[in-house]
Amino acid sequence: MTRINLLPWREEARQRRRNEFAAAGGLALIFTLLLAVLVHMQIEGRIGDQQARNQLLEGEIAQLNRQIKEIEDLEKIKADLLSRMEIIQQLQESRPEIVRLFYELVVAIPEGVYLTKLEQNGRAVVVEGRAQSNARVSAFMGNIEASQWIGSPRLLLIEDKTGTGLSEFRLGFDQVSPSASPESTRTDVPGDDRPRMQLLADSRR
């Protein structure tokens, strides 16, 4: 009976399978590395694109913030201008009233009364002065009460100064707006050259 030794052939087949497995493993490893590199490059590219977008957005946001700041500054300037215009308008509107106030004071002050100070807050007025007697102060208050443009006199302080013969007083009253009439709406009264006592008499009517 003939015997054939198959050991060398089996060894060669086994070695060939090992080589094929090693080659397949190497190819798989290379493919995996290439795939990883491609994925990494794609991710890096997306990260770079996103960073570029972020920088663009940051630039746009910074520009918008500057524009918002400019708008806020313009709004402040506008509010400032409107406030000044309102103050100027109020001053223009109150100018005739101030002239009227001083005129009415001149008419209301009796002989023997001298004013040293005048303060106004809104329509409230406070005056300080000196009088030859308390009766002069009472007469001053009566003239204020009789006026159509000033009224509600309030005596805040009165005291006699020893050795001077004068009384120092502090008096408050209000500016009022009389009902519209041809006489009460006249604006040329400061230039009226009638005698002072006649003006006082007219103001008491």
Protein backbone atom coordinates (compact mmCIF):
# COMPACT_ATOMS: atom_id res chain seq x y z
CA MET A 1 0.00 0.00 0.00
CA THR A 2 1.36 3.38 -1.03
CA ARG A 3 1.64 6.10 1.65
CA ILE A 4 1.67 9.80 0.82
CA ASN A 5 3.07 12.34 3.30
CA LEU A 6 0.61 15.29 3.36
CA LEU A 7 2.32 17.22 6.18
CA PRO A 8 4.30 19.66 3.95
CA TRP A 9 1.17 20.47 1.94
CA ARG A 10 -0.89 21.08 5.06
CA GLU A 11 1.82 23.26 6.52
CA GLU A 12 1.98 25.29 3.36
CA ALA A 13 -1.82 25.70 3.27
CA ARG A 14 -1.80 26.77 6.90
CA GLN A 15 0.99 29.29 6.23
CA ARG A 16 -0.85 30.59 3.18
CA ARG A 17 -4.02 31.15 5.25
CA ARG A 18 -1.99 32.99 7.87
CA ASN A 19 -0.49 35.26 5.21
CA GLU A 20 -3.90 35.93 3.72
CA PHE A 21 -5.34 36.74 7.16
CA ALA A 22 -2.42 39.05 7.93
CA ALA A 23 -2.87 40.78 4.57
CA ALA A 24 -6.61 41.17 5.14
CA GLY A 25 -5.96 42.50 8.63
CA GLY A 26 -3.42 44.98 7.29
CA LEU A 27 -5.79 46.17 4.62
CA ALA A 28 -8.58 46.54 7.20
CA LEU A 29 -6.26 48.52 9.48
CA ILE A 30 -5.17 50.77 6.62
CA PHE A 31 -8.79 51.31 5.58
CA THR A 32 -9.73 52.09 9.19
CA LEU A 33 -6.88 54.59 9.48
CA LEU A 34 -7.84 56.25 6.20
CA LEU A 35 -11.47 56.44 7.31
CA ALA A 36 -10.44 57.95 10.65
CA VAL A 37 -8.26 60.53 8.87
CA LEU A 38 -11.12 61.43 6.51
CA VAL A 39 -13.59 61.74 9.41
CA HIS A 40 -11.09 63.84 11.35
CA MET A 41 -10.53 66.13 8.37
CA GLN A 42 -14.26 66.50 7.85
CA ILE A 43 -14.83 67.34 11.51
CA GLU A 44 -11.96 69.84 11.46
CA GLY A 45 -13.42 71.42 8.34
CA ARG A 46 -16.82 71.78 9.97
CA ILE A 47 -15.23 73.22 13.11
CA GLY A 48 -13.34 75.74 10.97
CA ASP A 49 -16.52 76.71 9.12
CA GLN A 50 -18.40 77.14 12.40
CA GLN A 51 -15.61 79.25 13.85
CA ALA A 52 -15.70 81.45 10.73
CA ARG A 53 -19.47 81.81 11.15
CA ASN A 54 -19.01 82.63 14.83
CA GLN A 55 -16.47 85.34 14.00
CA LEU A 56 -18.84 86.78 11.39
CA LEU A 57 -21.70 86.76 13.89
CA GLU A 58 -19.51 88.37 16.55
CA GLY A 59 -18.56 91.10 14.09
CA GLU A 60 -22.21 91.69 13.20
CA ILE A 61 -23.19 91.71 16.90
CA ALA A 62 -20.44 94.23 17.70
CA GLN A 63 -21.63 96.46 14.85
CA LEU A 64 -25.24 96.21 16.07
CA ASN A 65 -24.12 97.06 19.60
CA ARG A 66 -22.33 100.16 18.28
CA GLN A 67 -25.44 101.17 16.37
CA ILE A 68 -27.61 100.60 19.45
CA LYS A 69 -25.20 102.74 21.52
CA GLU A 70 -25.37 105.49 18.88
CA ILE A 71 -29.18 105.29 18.90
CA GLU A 72 -29.21 105.52 22.72
CA ASP A 73 -26.89 108.53 22.58
CA LEU A 74 -29.15 110.15 19.97
CA GLU A 75 -32.19 109.44 22.15
CA LYS A 76 -30.46 111.10 25.11
CA ILE A 77 -29.57 114.12 22.97
CA LYS A 78 -33.15 114.24 21.69
CA ALA A 79 -34.55 114.06 25.24
CA ASP A 80 -32.10 116.80 26.29
CA LEU A 81 -33.16 119.04 23.43
CA LEU A 82 -36.85 118.42 24.10
CA SER A 83 -36.33 119.21 27.78
CA ARG A 84 -34.52 122.45 26.91
CA MET A 85 -37.19 123.38 24.38
CA GLU A 86 -39.85 122.76 27.03
CA ILE A 87 -37.99 124.94 29.53
CA ILE A 88 -37.58 127.69 26.94
CA GLN A 89 -41.27 127.46 26.07
CA GLN A 90 -42.21 127.63 29.75
CA LEU A 91 -39.97 130.67 30.19
CA GLN A 92 -41.50 132.34 27.17
CA GLU A 93 -44.99 131.60 28.45
CA SER A 94 -44.17 132.76 31.97
CA ARG A 95 -42.39 135.96 30.89
CA PRO A 96 -45.61 138.03 30.77
CA GLU A 97 -46.62 136.54 34.13
CA ILE A 98 -43.30 137.62 35.67
CA VAL A 99 -43.80 141.14 34.34
CA ARG A 100 -47.36 141.08 35.67
CA LEU A 101 -46.13 139.81 39.07
CA PHE A 102 -43.68 142.68 39.51
CA TYR A 103 -46.25 145.18 38.33
CA GLU A 104 -48.85 143.87 40.78
CA LEU A 105 -46.29 144.02 43.58
CA VAL A 106 -45.51 147.64 42.75
CA VAL A 107 -49.23 148.42 42.84
CA ALA A 108 -49.84 146.46 46.08
CA ILE A 109 -46.93 147.78 48.14
CA PRO A 110 -48.17 150.60 50.37
CA GLU A 111 -46.11 153.55 51.55
CA GLY A 112 -43.68 152.61 54.27
CA VAL A 113 -43.10 149.03 53.07
CA TYR A 114 -39.81 148.00 51.43
CA LEU A 115 -39.03 144.60 49.94
CA THR A 116 -35.56 143.10 50.33
CA LYS A 117 -36.01 139.62 48.88
CA LEU A 118 -38.35 137.71 46.54
CA GLU A 119 -38.49 133.96 45.93
CA GLN A 120 -40.78 132.08 43.55
CA ASN A 121 -41.45 128.35 43.36
CA GLY A 122 -44.00 127.55 40.70
CA ARG A 123 -46.92 129.88 41.42
CA ALA A 124 -46.04 130.33 45.08
CA VAL A 125 -44.18 133.54 45.96
CA VAL A 126 -42.44 134.49 49.20
CA VAL A 127 -41.23 138.03 49.88
CA GLU A 128 -39.20 139.48 52.71
CA GLY A 129 -39.01 143.11 53.63
CA ARG A 130 -39.31 145.87 56.19
CA ALA A 131 -42.26 147.99 57.19
CA GLN A 132 -42.69 151.11 59.31
CA SER A 133 -45.44 149.34 61.30
CA ASN A 134 -47.46 146.16 61.46
CA ALA A 135 -50.41 148.07 60.05
CA ARG A 136 -48.42 148.65 56.86
CA VAL A 137 -47.94 144.90 56.53
CA SER A 138 -51.68 144.38 57.02
CA ALA A 139 -52.35 146.95 54.31
CA PHE A 140 -49.91 145.13 52.03
CA MET A 141 -51.77 141.86 52.61
CA GLY A 142 -55.10 143.57 51.92
CA ASN A 143 -53.80 144.93 48.62
CA ILE A 144 -52.61 141.45 47.65
CA GLU A 145 -56.02 140.02 48.46
CA ALA A 146 -57.71 142.72 46.37
CA SER A 147 -55.55 142.03 43.31
CA GLN A 148 -56.85 139.90 40.44
CA TRP A 149 -53.40 138.44 39.67
CA ILE A 150 -52.03 137.69 43.14
CA GLY A 151 -53.86 136.46 46.21
CA SER A 152 -54.04 134.20 49.29
CA PRO A 153 -51.53 136.21 51.37
CA ARG A 154 -49.94 134.35 54.27
CA LEU A 155 -47.94 136.08 56.97
CA LEU A 156 -45.03 133.78 57.76
CA LEU A 157 -43.00 135.98 60.10
CA ILE A 158 -43.06 139.46 61.55
CA GLU A 159 -40.82 140.91 64.26
CA ASP A 160 -39.88 144.36 65.49
CA LYS A 161 -36.23 145.36 65.25
CA THR A 162 -35.29 147.33 68.33
CA GLY A 163 -33.64 150.63 67.58
CA THR A 164 -34.62 150.74 63.91
CA GLY A 165 -38.30 151.57 64.22
CA LEU A 166 -39.01 149.01 61.48
CA SER A 167 -40.67 145.61 61.47
CA GLU A 168 -39.12 142.81 59.44
CA PHE A 169 -41.61 140.45 57.85
CA ARG A 170 -41.86 137.39 55.65
CA LEU A 171 -44.97 137.02 53.55
CA GLY A 172 -46.20 134.35 51.15
CA PHE A 173 -48.85 134.58 48.44
CA ASP A 174 -49.86 132.91 45.16
CA GLN A 175 -49.99 133.96 41.54
CA VAL A 176 -53.49 133.49 40.18
CA SER A 177 -55.04 133.71 36.72
CA PRO A 178 -58.22 135.80 36.67
CA SER A 179 -61.12 135.04 34.37
CA ALA A 180 -60.58 136.33 30.85
CA SER A 181 -61.89 139.84 30.37
CA PRO A 182 -60.79 142.88 28.34
CA GLU A 183 -59.38 144.49 31.48
CA SER A 184 -57.74 141.39 32.99
CA THR A 185 -56.08 140.32 29.75
CA ARG A 186 -54.33 143.62 29.09
CA THR A 187 -50.57 143.24 28.69
CA ASP A 188 -49.60 146.89 28.54
CA VAL A 189 -50.21 147.68 32.20
CA PRO A 190 -46.49 147.95 33.11
CA GLY A 191 -46.31 150.95 30.86
CA ASP A 192 -49.40 152.61 32.34
CA ASP A 193 -48.46 156.06 33.56
CA ARG A 194 -51.53 156.73 35.72
CA PRO A 195 -50.87 157.95 39.29
CA ARG A 196 -49.95 155.17 41.69
CA MET A 197 -52.89 155.78 44.05
CA GLN A 198 -55.30 155.61 41.10
CA LEU A 199 -53.83 152.21 40.12
CA LEU A 200 -54.27 151.00 43.69
CA ALA A 201 -57.87 152.10 43.67
CA ASP A 202 -58.50 150.32 40.37
CA SER A 203 -56.99 147.11 41.68
CA ARG A 204 -59.43 147.12 44.63
CA ARG A 205 -62.51 147.29 42.44
